[in-house]
Amino acid sequence: MSLRITDECINCDVCEPVCPNTAIHQGEFIYEIDPSRCTECVGHFDVPQCQEVCPVECCLPDPEHVETRPQLLAKLEHLQQEATT
C-alpha cells in the first residue's frame, strides 16, 4: 500500500530526501506522496524511511492504494527499468 502524508505535516523537509523512489514532493500546502512511485521502501529498506524520520508521524498507509508486497516489488522493478531507459 502506498503511504500518504496527512494534514499534520509541518513541512520540515526531512522526508523528501530520504525517499529512494523520489515519490515525495512539495505540494501546494504540505508534502505529498505520489502513489505510483511509493513502494513503502520495499526492496530498499525494512521500514518506510519517511515514517522513520517524520517528527510528527504524519506518513500513514493510504487506504485508497492498497498493495501487497509482491505488487510493491513489481512496482519497484518497473521504476528501476524506467530509470534505466
PDB file of N, CA and C in Angstrom:
ATOM      1  N   MET A   1       0.855  -1.171   0.000  1.00  0.00           N
ATOM      2  CA  MET A   1       0.000   0.000   0.000  1.00  0.00           C
ATOM      3  C   MET A   1       0.892   1.221   0.000  1.00  0.00           C
ATOM      4  N   SER A   2       0.530   2.150  -0.767  1.00  0.00           N
ATOM      5  CA  SER A   2       1.247   3.419  -0.789  1.00  0.00           C
ATOM      6  C   SER A   2       1.015   4.143   0.536  1.00  0.00           C
ATOM      7  N   LEU A   3       1.907   5.041   0.837  1.00  0.00           N
ATOM      8  CA  LEU A   3       1.721   5.877   2.015  1.00  0.00           C
ATOM      9  C   LEU A   3       1.178   7.226   1.577  1.00  0.00           C
ATOM     10  N   ARG A   4       0.676   7.970   2.546  1.00  0.00           N
ATOM     11  CA  ARG A   4       0.190   9.315   2.286  1.00  0.00           C
ATOM     12  C   ARG A   4       0.662  10.201   3.421  1.00  0.00           C
ATOM     13  N   ILE A   5       0.697  11.484   3.177  1.00  0.00           N
ATOM     14  CA  ILE A   5       1.080  12.447   4.204  1.00  0.00           C
ATOM     15  C   ILE A   5      -0.178  13.200   4.607  1.00  0.00           C
ATOM     16  N   THR A   6      -0.439  13.236   5.892  1.00  0.00           N
ATOM     17  CA  THR A   6      -1.662  13.857   6.400  1.00  0.00           C
ATOM     18  C   THR A   6      -1.473  15.356   6.608  1.00  0.00           C
ATOM     19  N   ASP A   7      -2.559  16.016   6.928  1.00  0.00           N
ATOM     20  CA  ASP A   7      -2.553  17.458   7.163  1.00  0.00           C
ATOM     21  C   ASP A   7      -1.715  17.869   8.373  1.00  0.00           C
ATOM     22  N   GLU A   8      -1.276  16.914   9.163  1.00  0.00           N
ATOM     23  CA  GLU A   8      -0.428  17.232  10.312  1.00  0.00           C
ATOM     24  C   GLU A   8       0.996  17.580   9.886  1.00  0.00           C
ATOM     25  N   CYS A   9       1.310  17.428   8.604  1.00  0.00           N
ATOM     26  CA  CYS A   9       2.647  17.723   8.078  1.00  0.00           C
ATOM     27  C   CYS A   9       3.042  19.154   8.453  1.00  0.00           C
ATOM     28  N   ILE A  10       4.277  19.299   8.944  1.00  0.00           N
ATOM     29  CA  ILE A  10       4.774  20.618   9.339  1.00  0.00           C
ATOM     30  C   ILE A  10       5.805  21.156   8.339  1.00  0.00           C
ATOM     31  N   ASN A  11       5.914  20.513   7.173  1.00  0.00           N
ATOM     32  CA  ASN A  11       6.851  20.937   6.125  1.00  0.00           C
ATOM     33  C   ASN A  11       8.284  21.059   6.636  1.00  0.00           C
ATOM     34  N   CYS A  12       8.714  20.063   7.374  1.00  0.00           N
ATOM     35  CA  CYS A  12      10.061  20.105   7.951  1.00  0.00           C
ATOM     36  C   CYS A  12      11.143  19.704   6.959  1.00  0.00           C
ATOM     37  N   ASP A  13      10.757  19.181   5.803  1.00  0.00           N
ATOM     38  CA  ASP A  13      11.685  18.852   4.723  1.00  0.00           C
ATOM     39  C   ASP A  13      12.549  17.610   4.962  1.00  0.00           C
ATOM     40  N   VAL A  14      12.258  16.793   5.947  1.00  0.00           N
ATOM     41  CA  VAL A  14      13.126  15.643   6.187  1.00  0.00           C
ATOM     42  C   VAL A  14      12.721  14.401   5.394  1.00  0.00           C
ATOM     43  N   CYS A  15      11.487  14.314   4.954  1.00  0.00           N
ATOM     44  CA  CYS A  15      11.030  13.103   4.269  1.00  0.00           C
ATOM     45  C   CYS A  15      11.461  13.040   2.808  1.00  0.00           C
ATOM     46  N   GLU A  16      11.420  14.142   2.129  1.00  0.00           N
ATOM     47  CA  GLU A  16      11.691  14.149   0.681  1.00  0.00           C
ATOM     48  C   GLU A  16      13.053  13.551   0.322  1.00  0.00           C
ATOM     49  N   PRO A  17      14.141  13.965   0.964  1.00  0.00           N
ATOM     50  CA  PRO A  17      15.444  13.441   0.550  1.00  0.00           C
ATOM     51  C   PRO A  17      15.692  11.970   0.906  1.00  0.00           C
ATOM     52  N   VAL A  18      14.926  11.398   1.841  1.00  0.00           N
ATOM     53  CA  VAL A  18      15.170  10.006   2.213  1.00  0.00           C
ATOM     54  C   VAL A  18      14.374   9.005   1.370  1.00  0.00           C
ATOM     55  N   CYS A  19      13.478   9.480   0.530  1.00  0.00           N
ATOM     56  CA  CYS A  19      12.655   8.588  -0.284  1.00  0.00           C
ATOM     57  C   CYS A  19      13.488   8.010  -1.431  1.00  0.00           C
ATOM     58  N   PRO A  20      13.697   6.696  -1.474  1.00  0.00           N
ATOM     59  CA  PRO A  20      14.534   6.112  -2.521  1.00  0.00           C
ATOM     60  C   PRO A  20      13.883   6.123  -3.908  1.00  0.00           C
ATOM     61  N   ASN A  21      12.580   6.356  -3.976  1.00  0.00           N
ATOM     62  CA  ASN A  21      11.872   6.334  -5.255  1.00  0.00           C
ATOM     63  C   ASN A  21      11.435   7.712  -5.730  1.00  0.00           C
ATOM     64  N   THR A  22      11.907   8.746  -5.081  1.00  0.00           N
ATOM     65  CA  THR A  22      11.511  10.131  -5.364  1.00  0.00           C
ATOM     66  C   THR A  22       9.990  10.265  -5.477  1.00  0.00           C
ATOM     67  N   ALA A  23       9.291   9.634  -4.552  1.00  0.00           N
ATOM     68  CA  ALA A  23       7.830   9.670  -4.543  1.00  0.00           C
ATOM     69  C   ALA A  23       7.285  10.878  -3.791  1.00  0.00           C
ATOM     70  N   ILE A  24       8.132  11.542  -3.016  1.00  0.00           N
ATOM     71  CA  ILE A  24       7.679  12.653  -2.174  1.00  0.00           C
ATOM     72  C   ILE A  24       8.062  13.977  -2.819  1.00  0.00           C
ATOM     73  N   HIS A  25       7.100  14.890  -2.850  1.00  0.00           N
ATOM     74  CA  HIS A  25       7.341  16.213  -3.409  1.00  0.00           C
ATOM     75  C   HIS A  25       6.538  17.253  -2.629  1.00  0.00           C
ATOM     76  N   GLN A  26       6.975  18.489  -2.735  1.00  0.00           N
ATOM     77  CA  GLN A  26       6.260  19.573  -2.065  1.00  0.00           C
ATOM     78  C   GLN A  26       4.972  19.858  -2.817  1.00  0.00           C
ATOM     79  N   GLY A  27       3.856  19.760  -2.117  1.00  0.00           N
ATOM     80  CA  GLY A  27       2.563  20.086  -2.698  1.00  0.00           C
ATOM     81  C   GLY A  27       2.257  21.554  -2.491  1.00  0.00           C
ATOM     82  N   GLU A  28       1.014  21.911  -2.715  1.00  0.00           N
ATOM     83  CA  GLU A  28       0.628  23.319  -2.567  1.00  0.00           C
ATOM     84  C   GLU A  28       0.772  23.790  -1.121  1.00  0.00           C
ATOM     85  N   PHE A  29       0.408  22.921  -0.163  1.00  0.00           N
ATOM     86  CA  PHE A  29       0.459  23.315   1.249  1.00  0.00           C
ATOM     87  C   PHE A  29       1.376  22.433   2.083  1.00  0.00           C
ATOM     88  N   ILE A  30       1.417  21.150   1.777  1.00  0.00           N
ATOM     89  CA  ILE A  30       2.230  20.184   2.521  1.00  0.00           C
ATOM     90  C   ILE A  30       2.908  19.254   1.526  1.00  0.00           C
ATOM     91  N   TYR A  31       3.798  18.433   2.046  1.00  0.00           N
ATOM     92  CA  TYR A  31       4.423  17.427   1.193  1.00  0.00           C
ATOM     93  C   TYR A  31       3.376  16.393   0.800  1.00  0.00           C
ATOM     94  N   GLU A  32       3.584  15.794  -0.362  1.00  0.00           N
ATOM     95  CA  GLU A  32       2.658  14.787  -0.874  1.00  0.00           C
ATOM     96  C   GLU A  32       3.454  13.586  -1.362  1.00  0.00           C
ATOM     97  N   ILE A  33       2.796  12.426  -1.391  1.00  0.00           N
ATOM     98  CA  ILE A  33       3.417  11.204  -1.885  1.00  0.00           C
ATOM     99  C   ILE A  33       2.688  10.761  -3.139  1.00  0.00           C
ATOM    100  N   ASP A  34       3.458  10.516  -4.201  1.00  0.00           N
ATOM    101  CA  ASP A  34       2.907  10.023  -5.455  1.00  0.00           C
ATOM    102  C   ASP A  34       2.710   8.510  -5.311  1.00  0.00           C
ATOM    103  N   PRO A  35       1.461   8.046  -5.261  1.00  0.00           N
ATOM    104  CA  PRO A  35       1.227   6.611  -5.039  1.00  0.00           C
ATOM    105  C   PRO A  35       1.771   5.728  -6.157  1.00  0.00           C
ATOM    106  N   SER A  36       1.990   6.284  -7.331  1.00  0.00           N
ATOM    107  CA  SER A  36       2.537   5.471  -8.419  1.00  0.00           C
ATOM    108  C   SER A  36       4.036   5.238  -8.250  1.00  0.00           C
ATOM    109  N   ARG A  37       4.677   5.960  -7.325  1.00  0.00           N
ATOM    110  CA  ARG A  37       6.110   5.800  -7.083  1.00  0.00           C
ATOM    111  C   ARG A  37       6.426   5.236  -5.701  1.00  0.00           C
ATOM    112  N   CYS A  38       5.450   5.248  -4.792  1.00  0.00           N
ATOM    113  CA  CYS A  38       5.691   4.791  -3.421  1.00  0.00           C
ATOM    114  C   CYS A  38       5.623   3.273  -3.340  1.00  0.00           C
ATOM    115  N   THR A  39       6.703   2.673  -2.831  1.00  0.00           N
ATOM    116  CA  THR A  39       6.743   1.232  -2.603  1.00  0.00           C
ATOM    117  C   THR A  39       6.902   0.918  -1.117  1.00  0.00           C
ATOM    118  N   GLU A  40       6.661   1.901  -0.266  1.00  0.00           N
ATOM    119  CA  GLU A  40       6.874   1.761   1.174  1.00  0.00           C
ATOM    120  C   GLU A  40       8.306   1.337   1.473  1.00  0.00           C
ATOM    121  N   CYS A  41       9.209   1.686   0.577  1.00  0.00           N
ATOM    122  CA  CYS A  41      10.634   1.364   0.664  1.00  0.00           C
ATOM    123  C   CYS A  41      10.921  -0.129   0.530  1.00  0.00           C
ATOM    124  N   VAL A  42       9.922  -0.925   0.126  1.00  0.00           N
ATOM    125  CA  VAL A  42      10.131  -2.347  -0.124  1.00  0.00           C
ATOM    126  C   VAL A  42      11.204  -2.476  -1.203  1.00  0.00           C
ATOM    127  N   GLY A  43      12.168  -3.351  -0.962  1.00  0.00           N
ATOM    128  CA  GLY A  43      13.271  -3.528  -1.887  1.00  0.00           C
ATOM    129  C   GLY A  43      14.457  -2.640  -1.583  1.00  0.00           C
ATOM    130  N   HIS A  44      14.261  -1.675  -0.694  1.00  0.00           N
ATOM    131  CA  HIS A  44      15.347  -0.768  -0.292  1.00  0.00           C
ATOM    132  C   HIS A  44      15.646  -0.879   1.203  1.00  0.00           C
ATOM    133  N   PHE A  45      14.604  -0.792   2.006  1.00  0.00           N
ATOM    134  CA  PHE A  45      14.751  -0.769   3.464  1.00  0.00           C
ATOM    135  C   PHE A  45      13.687  -1.649   4.111  1.00  0.00           C
ATOM    136  N   ASP A  46      13.885  -1.984   5.366  1.00  0.00           N
ATOM    137  CA  ASP A  46      12.914  -2.804   6.097  1.00  0.00           C
ATOM    138  C   ASP A  46      11.677  -2.021   6.514  1.00  0.00           C
ATOM    139  N   VAL A  47      11.822  -0.710   6.666  1.00  0.00           N
ATOM    140  CA  VAL A  47      10.700   0.145   7.065  1.00  0.00           C
ATOM    141  C   VAL A  47      10.688   1.387   6.176  1.00  0.00           C
ATOM    142  N   PRO A  48       9.520   1.968   5.956  1.00  0.00           N
ATOM    143  CA  PRO A  48       9.447   3.188   5.153  1.00  0.00           C
ATOM    144  C   PRO A  48      10.275   4.304   5.795  1.00  0.00           C
ATOM    145  N   GLN A  49      11.162   4.871   5.015  1.00  0.00           N
ATOM    146  CA  GLN A  49      12.061   5.892   5.542  1.00  0.00           C
ATOM    147  C   GLN A  49      11.355   7.177   5.936  1.00  0.00           C
ATOM    148  N   CYS A  50      10.295   7.532   5.216  1.00  0.00           N
ATOM    149  CA  CYS A  50       9.571   8.753   5.586  1.00  0.00           C
ATOM    150  C   CYS A  50       8.969   8.612   6.986  1.00  0.00           C
ATOM    151  N   GLN A  51       8.469   7.401   7.299  1.00  0.00           N
ATOM    152  CA  GLN A  51       7.923   7.170   8.631  1.00  0.00           C
ATOM    153  C   GLN A  51       9.012   7.223   9.689  1.00  0.00           C
ATOM    154  N   GLU A  52      10.201   6.754   9.338  1.00  0.00           N
ATOM    155  CA  GLU A  52      11.321   6.748  10.284  1.00  0.00           C
ATOM    156  C   GLU A  52      11.755   8.154  10.678  1.00  0.00           C
ATOM    157  N   VAL A  53      11.753   9.070   9.727  1.00  0.00           N
ATOM    158  CA  VAL A  53      12.292  10.408  10.004  1.00  0.00           C
ATOM    159  C   VAL A  53      11.244  11.448  10.374  1.00  0.00           C
ATOM    160  N   CYS A  54       9.982  11.164  10.140  1.00  0.00           N
ATOM    161  CA  CYS A  54       8.931  12.164  10.374  1.00  0.00           C
ATOM    162  C   CYS A  54       8.764  12.466  11.862  1.00  0.00           C
ATOM    163  N   PRO A  55       8.945  13.721  12.264  1.00  0.00           N
ATOM    164  CA  PRO A  55       8.827  14.062  13.683  1.00  0.00           C
ATOM    165  C   PRO A  55       7.388  14.129  14.193  1.00  0.00           C
ATOM    166  N   VAL A  56       6.412  14.203  13.292  1.00  0.00           N
ATOM    167  CA  VAL A  56       5.018  14.301  13.734  1.00  0.00           C
ATOM    168  C   VAL A  56       4.189  13.074  13.330  1.00  0.00           C
ATOM    169  N   GLU A  57       4.854  12.063  12.783  1.00  0.00           N
ATOM    170  CA  GLU A  57       4.202  10.800  12.424  1.00  0.00           C
ATOM    171  C   GLU A  57       2.996  11.007  11.513  1.00  0.00           C
ATOM    172  N   CYS A  58       3.200  11.754  10.440  1.00  0.00           N
ATOM    173  CA  CYS A  58       2.086  12.029   9.525  1.00  0.00           C
ATOM    174  C   CYS A  58       2.170  11.226   8.224  1.00  0.00           C
ATOM    175  N   CYS A  59       3.116  10.303   8.112  1.00  0.00           N
ATOM    176  CA  CYS A  59       3.220   9.427   6.936  1.00  0.00           C
ATOM    177  C   CYS A  59       2.524   8.116   7.283  1.00  0.00           C
ATOM    178  N   LEU A  60       1.334   7.949   6.737  1.00  0.00           N
ATOM    179  CA  LEU A  60       0.486   6.821   7.107  1.00  0.00           C
ATOM    180  C   LEU A  60       0.087   6.003   5.885  1.00  0.00           C
ATOM    181  N   PRO A  61      -0.323   4.745   6.094  1.00  0.00           N
ATOM    182  CA  PRO A  61      -0.828   3.944   4.971  1.00  0.00           C
ATOM    183  C   PRO A  61      -2.018   4.628   4.307  1.00  0.00           C
ATOM    184  N   ASP A  62      -2.054   4.547   2.992  1.00  0.00           N
ATOM    185  CA  ASP A  62      -3.133   5.153   2.217  1.00  0.00           C
ATOM    186  C   ASP A  62      -4.150   4.068   1.866  1.00  0.00           C
ATOM    187  N   PRO A  63      -5.311   4.077   2.501  1.00  0.00           N
ATOM    188  CA  PRO A  63      -6.304   3.024   2.254  1.00  0.00           C
ATOM    189  C   PRO A  63      -6.852   3.035   0.826  1.00  0.00           C
ATOM    190  N   GLU A  64      -6.617   4.104   0.089  1.00  0.00           N
ATOM    191  CA  GLU A  64      -7.074   4.160  -1.299  1.00  0.00           C
ATOM    192  C   GLU A  64      -6.094   3.498  -2.268  1.00  0.00           C
ATOM    193  N   HIS A  65      -4.915   3.105  -1.767  1.00  0.00           N
ATOM    194  CA  HIS A  65      -3.901   2.479  -2.613  1.00  0.00           C
ATOM    195  C   HIS A  65      -3.320   1.258  -1.911  1.00  0.00           C
ATOM    196  N   VAL A  66      -4.141   0.245  -1.735  1.00  0.00           N
ATOM    197  CA  VAL A  66      -3.729  -0.981  -1.063  1.00  0.00           C
ATOM    198  C   VAL A  66      -2.970  -1.867  -2.053  1.00  0.00           C
ATOM    199  N   GLU A  67      -1.767  -2.310  -1.655  1.00  0.00           N
ATOM    200  CA  GLU A  67      -0.943  -3.173  -2.494  1.00  0.00           C
ATOM    201  C   GLU A  67      -0.267  -4.225  -1.624  1.00  0.00           C
ATOM    202  N   THR A  68      -0.058  -5.395  -2.197  1.00  0.00           N
ATOM    203  CA  THR A  68       0.645  -6.460  -1.499  1.00  0.00           C
ATOM    204  C   THR A  68       2.150  -6.272  -1.677  1.00  0.00           C
ATOM    205  N   ARG A  69       2.924  -6.987  -0.908  1.00  0.00           N
ATOM    206  CA  ARG A  69       4.379  -6.932  -1.053  1.00  0.00           C
ATOM    207  C   ARG A  69       4.809  -7.301  -2.483  1.00  0.00           C
ATOM    208  N   PRO A  70       4.267  -8.382  -3.078  1.00  0.00           N
ATOM    209  CA  PRO A  70       4.642  -8.683  -4.466  1.00  0.00           C
ATOM    210  C   PRO A  70       4.293  -7.548  -5.440  1.00  0.00           C
ATOM    211  N   GLN A  71       3.186  -6.878  -5.220  1.00  0.00           N
ATOM    212  CA  GLN A  71       2.819  -5.746  -6.082  1.00  0.00           C
ATOM    213  C   GLN A  71       3.800  -4.581  -5.893  1.00  0.00           C
ATOM    214  N   LEU A  72       4.214  -4.350  -4.650  1.00  0.00           N
ATOM    215  CA  LEU A  72       5.176  -3.279  -4.388  1.00  0.00           C
ATOM    216  C   LEU A  72       6.522  -3.599  -5.028  1.00  0.00           C
ATOM    217  N   LEU A  73       6.929  -4.865  -4.977  1.00  0.00           N
ATOM    218  CA  LEU A  73       8.184  -5.267  -5.616  1.00  0.00           C
ATOM    219  C   LEU A  73       8.098  -5.113  -7.134  1.00  0.00           C
ATOM    220  N   ALA A  74       6.955  -5.452  -7.708  1.00  0.00           N
ATOM    221  CA  ALA A  74       6.760  -5.285  -9.156  1.00  0.00           C
ATOM    222  C   ALA A  74       6.812  -3.802  -9.523  1.00  0.00           C
ATOM    223  N   LYS A  75       6.228  -2.958  -8.688  1.00  0.00           N
ATOM    224  CA  LYS A  75       6.270  -1.515  -8.939  1.00  0.00           C
ATOM    225  C   LYS A  75       7.715  -1.020  -8.885  1.00  0.00           C
ATOM    226  N   LEU A  76       8.473  -1.504  -7.901  1.00  0.00           N
ATOM    227  CA  LEU A  76       9.876  -1.124  -7.784  1.00  0.00           C
ATOM    228  C   LEU A  76      10.647  -1.548  -9.032  1.00  0.00           C
ATOM    229  N   GLU A  77      10.417  -2.754  -9.503  1.00  0.00           N
ATOM    230  CA  GLU A  77      11.101  -3.229 -10.705  1.00  0.00           C
ATOM    231  C   GLU A  77      10.765  -2.329 -11.904  1.00  0.00           C
ATOM    232  N   HIS A  78       9.511  -1.968 -12.020  1.00  0.00           N
ATOM    233  CA  HIS A  78       9.096  -1.070 -13.107  1.00  0.00           C
ATOM    234  C   HIS A  78       9.794   0.290 -12.985  1.00  0.00           C
ATOM    235  N   LEU A  79       9.868   0.839 -11.779  1.00  0.00           N
ATOM    236  CA  LEU A  79      10.524   2.121 -11.576  1.00  0.00           C
ATOM    237  C   LEU A  79      12.015   2.044 -11.915  1.00  0.00           C
ATOM    238  N   GLN A  80      12.633   0.928 -11.576  1.00  0.00           N
ATOM    239  CA  GLN A  80      14.056   0.764 -11.875  1.00  0.00           C
ATOM    240  C   GLN A  80      14.288   0.636 -13.378  1.00  0.00           C
ATOM    241  N   GLN A  81      13.411  -0.083 -14.056  1.00  0.00           N
ATOM    242  CA  GLN A  81      13.525  -0.196 -15.515  1.00  0.00           C
ATOM    243  C   GLN A  81      13.300   1.163 -16.171  1.00  0.00           C
ATOM    244  N   GLU A  82      12.346   1.893 -15.664  1.00  0.00           N
ATOM    245  CA  GLU A  82      12.054   3.225 -16.193  1.00  0.00           C
ATOM    246  C   GLU A  82      13.258   4.151 -16.049  1.00  0.00           C
ATOM    247  N   ALA A  83      13.983   4.007 -14.943  1.00  0.00           N
ATOM    248  CA  ALA A  83      15.137   4.866 -14.686  1.00  0.00           C
ATOM    249  C   ALA A  83      16.301   4.549 -15.615  1.00  0.00           C
ATOM    250  N   THR A  84      16.373   3.336 -16.122  1.00  0.00           N
ATOM    251  CA  THR A  84      17.492   2.963 -16.986  1.00  0.00           C
ATOM    252  C   THR A  84      17.225   3.228 -18.463  1.00  0.00           C
ATOM    253  N   THR A  85      15.989   3.570 -18.807  1.00  0.00           N
ATOM    254  CA  THR A  85      15.688   3.830 -20.219  1.00  0.00           C
ATOM    255  C   THR A  85      15.570   5.305 -20.505  1.00  0.00           C
TER     256      THR A  85
END
